[in-house]
Amino acid sequence: MEPIRISYFSDVLCVWAYIAQIRLDELVKNFPEQVAIEHHFVPVFGNAREKLEARWRDRGGLSGYRDHVQQVAQKFDHITIHPEIWTTVTPASSTSCHLFLHAIQLLEIKGILPKANRVFEQAIWAFREAFFTKLANLSDYQVQLAIAQDLGLPIDAIQTQIESGEAYALLSKDFELVKEHTVTISPTLSFNEGRQRLNGNVGYRVIEANIRELLHNPPGELSWC
């Protein structure tokens, strides 16, 4: 039986995606053969500074957004967030980071890095954790390089994927999928060929229930209930 393919859309700077990572890991652990996660990026923070300054202008600006993120984080004991998140360092955009991560993904696709090691997914988490716990400016290319070096990744090969335009092609594909599936929220899980979707802060049991329903009632034989 073919695995259930889940298109997982997220922004690396999104606190809800940072929180949800533990649920995604649990899903992969419990359904190692039945589920295949396909990562895509949605540019919720594509123009981060201007967006936050505009939306939070009457609610304390970036400091107000920092307080909001901290309040959200206090509800979850499995994550750590720096007390000055979004204020001391405010990345200009998540897009350049998404591009860099796609360059890493291409190394898996081409067999330069073993896909079984899930290096691409590990890199996504490393970048998220670096921002939320260490205030790493993920929009800065030099910061991206430093994180990749800490992970022991081949820097020259990553740069080649960017310079060749191939990483841009993957990022463009994300933009097309986001538009096609009208994805506006990070994270979003889309499965059953887009007929089912879970948006935002969805608990693990809800995700698992949807997967079990698809496993027990495959597409074309879905239960009326």
Protein backbone atom coordinates (compact mmCIF):
# COMPACT_ATOMS: atom_id res chain seq x y z
CA MET A 1 0.00 0.00 0.00
CA GLU A 2 1.30 3.43 -0.96
CA PRO A 3 1.97 5.75 1.99
CA ILE A 4 -0.38 8.63 2.69
CA ARG A 5 1.31 11.72 1.33
CA ILE A 6 0.99 14.80 3.52
CA SER A 7 1.89 18.19 2.14
CA TYR A 8 3.13 20.15 5.13
CA PHE A 9 3.23 23.92 4.63
CA SER A 10 5.03 26.07 7.19
CA ASP A 11 7.11 29.19 7.68
CA VAL A 12 10.42 28.71 9.48
CA LEU A 13 9.76 31.85 11.57
CA CYS A 14 6.28 30.77 12.66
CA VAL A 15 5.93 30.01 16.36
CA TRP A 16 3.01 27.65 15.71
CA ALA A 17 5.15 25.56 13.34
CA TYR A 18 7.88 25.56 16.00
CA ILE A 19 5.35 24.27 18.52
CA ALA A 20 3.91 21.71 16.08
CA GLN A 21 7.21 20.03 15.24
CA ILE A 22 6.81 17.56 18.11
CA ARG A 23 3.49 16.43 16.63
CA LEU A 24 5.03 15.90 13.22
CA ASP A 25 7.85 13.85 14.77
CA GLU A 26 5.31 11.75 16.66
CA LEU A 27 3.37 11.13 13.45
CA VAL A 28 6.49 9.90 11.64
CA LYS A 29 7.43 7.71 14.61
CA ASN A 30 4.00 6.08 14.86
CA PHE A 31 3.42 5.68 11.12
CA PRO A 32 6.91 5.18 9.64
CA GLU A 33 5.73 3.22 6.60
CA GLN A 34 2.21 4.58 6.22
CA VAL A 35 2.95 8.31 6.04
CA ALA A 36 5.23 10.40 3.81
CA ILE A 37 5.72 14.07 4.70
CA GLU A 38 6.40 16.49 1.85
CA HIS A 39 7.67 19.81 3.19
CA HIS A 40 6.71 23.06 1.52
CA PHE A 41 7.11 26.64 2.68
CA VAL A 42 4.41 29.30 2.91
CA PRO A 43 5.78 32.88 3.16
CA VAL A 44 3.79 34.07 6.17
CA PHE A 45 6.84 36.13 7.14
CA GLY A 46 8.01 36.88 3.60
CA ASN A 47 8.05 40.57 4.49
CA ALA A 48 8.37 40.11 8.24
CA ARG A 49 9.40 43.52 9.56
CA GLU A 50 6.93 45.60 7.58
CA LYS A 51 4.09 43.13 8.21
CA LEU A 52 4.59 42.97 11.97
CA GLU A 53 5.17 46.70 12.39
CA ALA A 54 1.96 47.40 10.47
CA ARG A 55 -0.25 44.78 12.14
CA TRP A 56 1.03 45.45 15.64
CA ARG A 57 1.36 49.23 15.40
CA ASP A 58 -1.56 49.81 17.77
CA ARG A 59 -0.68 46.90 20.06
CA GLY A 60 2.86 47.75 21.10
CA GLY A 61 4.66 47.14 17.81
CA LEU A 62 7.38 44.49 17.80
CA SER A 63 7.45 44.49 21.60
CA GLY A 64 3.75 43.70 21.61
CA TYR A 65 4.28 40.86 19.18
CA ARG A 66 7.15 39.56 21.33
CA ASP A 67 4.82 39.50 24.35
CA HIS A 68 2.19 37.67 22.28
CA VAL A 69 4.68 34.99 21.21
CA GLN A 70 5.86 34.58 24.79
CA GLN A 71 2.28 34.16 26.02
CA VAL A 72 1.68 31.50 23.38
CA ALA A 73 4.90 29.68 24.32
CA GLN A 74 4.01 29.58 28.02
CA LYS A 75 1.20 27.13 27.20
CA PHE A 76 3.67 24.53 25.91
CA ASP A 77 6.43 23.08 28.06
CA HIS A 78 8.29 21.30 25.24
CA ILE A 79 9.72 24.46 23.65
CA THR A 80 12.07 27.25 24.69
CA ILE A 81 11.85 30.81 23.41
CA HIS A 82 14.32 33.62 23.96
CA PRO A 83 12.84 36.45 26.09
CA GLU A 84 13.70 39.05 23.44
CA ILE A 85 12.31 37.18 20.43
CA TRP A 86 11.48 39.47 17.49
CA THR A 87 12.84 42.61 19.20
CA THR A 88 16.63 42.38 19.58
CA VAL A 89 16.78 40.63 16.19
CA THR A 90 14.01 41.02 13.60
CA PRO A 91 14.67 39.01 10.42
CA ALA A 92 13.67 40.88 7.30
CA SER A 93 12.22 37.81 5.60
CA SER A 94 11.88 34.05 5.90
CA THR A 95 12.09 33.63 2.12
CA SER A 96 15.88 33.59 1.85
CA CYS A 97 16.00 30.93 4.56
CA HIS A 98 13.40 28.84 2.73
CA LEU A 99 15.54 29.10 -0.39
CA PHE A 100 18.62 27.91 1.52
CA LEU A 101 16.70 25.00 3.01
CA HIS A 102 15.50 23.94 -0.44
CA ALA A 103 19.14 23.89 -1.52
CA ILE A 104 19.77 21.38 1.27
CA GLN A 105 16.73 19.39 0.15
CA LEU A 106 18.17 19.16 -3.36
CA LEU A 107 21.26 17.45 -1.95
CA GLU A 108 18.95 14.69 -0.71
CA ILE A 109 17.03 14.54 -3.97
CA LYS A 110 20.27 14.17 -5.92
CA GLY A 111 21.69 11.56 -3.55
CA ILE A 112 24.56 13.77 -2.37
CA LEU A 113 23.16 13.37 1.14
CA PRO A 114 21.39 10.14 2.20
CA LYS A 115 17.65 10.73 2.34
CA ALA A 116 17.28 8.12 5.06
CA ASN A 117 19.08 10.48 7.47
CA ARG A 118 16.34 13.10 7.05
CA VAL A 119 18.97 15.85 6.85
CA PHE A 120 16.54 18.30 5.25
CA GLU A 121 14.05 17.91 8.10
CA GLN A 122 16.84 18.15 10.67
CA ALA A 123 18.01 21.37 9.03
CA ILE A 124 14.51 22.88 9.18
CA TRP A 125 14.40 22.20 12.91
CA ALA A 126 17.94 23.49 13.46
CA PHE A 127 17.06 26.78 11.74
CA ARG A 128 13.83 27.17 13.71
CA GLU A 129 15.53 26.41 16.99
CA ALA A 130 18.38 28.81 16.21
CA PHE A 131 15.91 31.65 15.73
CA PHE A 132 13.59 30.97 18.65
CA THR A 133 16.25 30.12 21.22
CA LYS A 134 19.33 32.06 20.06
CA LEU A 135 17.83 34.93 18.04
CA ALA A 136 19.70 33.88 14.90
CA ASN A 137 18.87 36.25 12.04
CA LEU A 138 17.69 33.61 9.58
CA SER A 139 17.31 36.10 6.75
CA ASP A 140 21.10 36.66 6.77
CA TYR A 141 22.97 34.40 4.33
CA GLN A 142 26.06 34.27 6.54
CA VAL A 143 23.94 33.06 9.45
CA GLN A 144 22.44 30.38 7.21
CA LEU A 145 25.94 29.26 6.22
CA ALA A 146 27.05 29.12 9.85
CA ILE A 147 24.12 26.88 10.83
CA ALA A 148 24.79 24.59 7.87
CA GLN A 149 28.45 24.37 8.87
CA ASP A 150 27.47 23.44 12.43
CA LEU A 151 25.37 20.63 10.94
CA GLY A 152 28.37 19.40 8.98
CA LEU A 153 26.73 20.02 5.61
CA PRO A 154 28.70 20.51 2.36
CA ILE A 155 28.64 24.29 1.90
CA ASP A 156 29.95 24.34 -1.67
CA ALA A 157 27.26 21.89 -2.77
CA ILE A 158 24.55 23.99 -1.12
CA GLN A 159 25.79 27.14 -2.84
CA THR A 160 25.81 25.34 -6.17
CA GLN A 161 22.09 24.52 -5.83
CA ILE A 162 21.35 28.21 -5.24
CA GLU A 163 23.65 29.56 -7.94
CA SER A 164 22.28 27.11 -10.52
CA GLY A 165 18.74 28.35 -9.95
CA GLU A 166 17.46 24.91 -8.93
CA ALA A 167 16.70 25.94 -5.35
CA TYR A 168 14.74 28.89 -6.73
CA ALA A 169 12.73 26.45 -8.85
CA LEU A 170 11.71 24.45 -5.76
CA LEU A 171 10.78 27.63 -3.93
CA SER A 172 8.71 28.75 -6.93
CA LYS A 173 6.93 25.39 -6.85
CA ASP A 174 6.01 26.11 -3.23
CA PHE A 175 4.52 29.45 -4.24
CA GLU A 176 2.45 27.70 -6.91
CA LEU A 177 1.20 25.05 -4.47
CA VAL A 178 0.36 27.68 -1.86
CA LYS A 179 -1.72 29.51 -4.46
CA GLU A 180 -3.30 26.31 -5.84
CA HIS A 181 -4.37 25.10 -2.40
CA THR A 182 -5.08 28.61 -1.02
CA VAL A 183 -2.76 28.06 1.93
CA THR A 184 -2.53 31.11 4.19
CA ILE A 185 -1.78 29.57 7.60
CA SER A 186 1.39 28.06 9.04
CA PRO A 187 1.39 25.19 9.65
CA THR A 188 -1.09 23.59 7.27
CA LEU A 189 -1.36 19.85 6.62
CA SER A 190 -2.98 18.90 3.33
CA PHE A 191 -3.70 15.27 2.48
CA ASN A 192 -6.03 13.03 0.51
CA GLU A 193 -5.03 14.99 -2.62
CA GLY A 194 -6.03 18.27 -1.01
CA ARG A 195 -9.51 17.14 -0.02
CA GLN A 196 -8.64 17.22 3.67
CA ARG A 197 -6.79 19.98 5.48
CA LEU A 198 -5.78 20.81 9.03
CA ASN A 199 -4.73 24.38 9.77
CA GLY A 200 -2.83 25.98 12.60
CA ASN A 201 -2.59 24.70 16.16
CA VAL A 202 -4.12 21.25 15.70
CA GLY A 203 -3.56 18.63 18.41
CA TYR A 204 -1.78 15.38 17.61
CA ARG A 205 -4.83 13.21 18.28
CA VAL A 206 -6.80 15.11 15.65
CA ILE A 207 -4.02 14.59 13.10
CA GLU A 208 -3.75 10.92 14.01
CA ALA A 209 -7.51 10.43 13.71
CA ASN A 210 -7.46 11.78 10.16
CA ILE A 211 -4.58 9.47 9.23
CA ARG A 212 -6.29 6.42 10.71
CA GLU A 213 -9.49 7.25 8.83
CA LEU A 214 -7.56 7.33 5.57
CA LEU A 215 -5.77 4.08 6.40
CA HIS A 216 -9.00 2.27 7.20
CA ASN A 217 -11.00 3.93 4.42
CA PRO A 218 -8.65 4.59 1.49
CA PRO A 219 -9.54 7.22 -1.15
CA GLY A 220 -12.45 6.05 -3.25
CA GLU A 221 -13.82 4.01 -0.33
CA LEU A 222 -14.24 6.74 2.29
CA SER A 223 -16.82 6.18 4.96
CA TRP A 224 -19.97 8.36 4.79
CA CYS A 225 -19.62 9.01 8.55
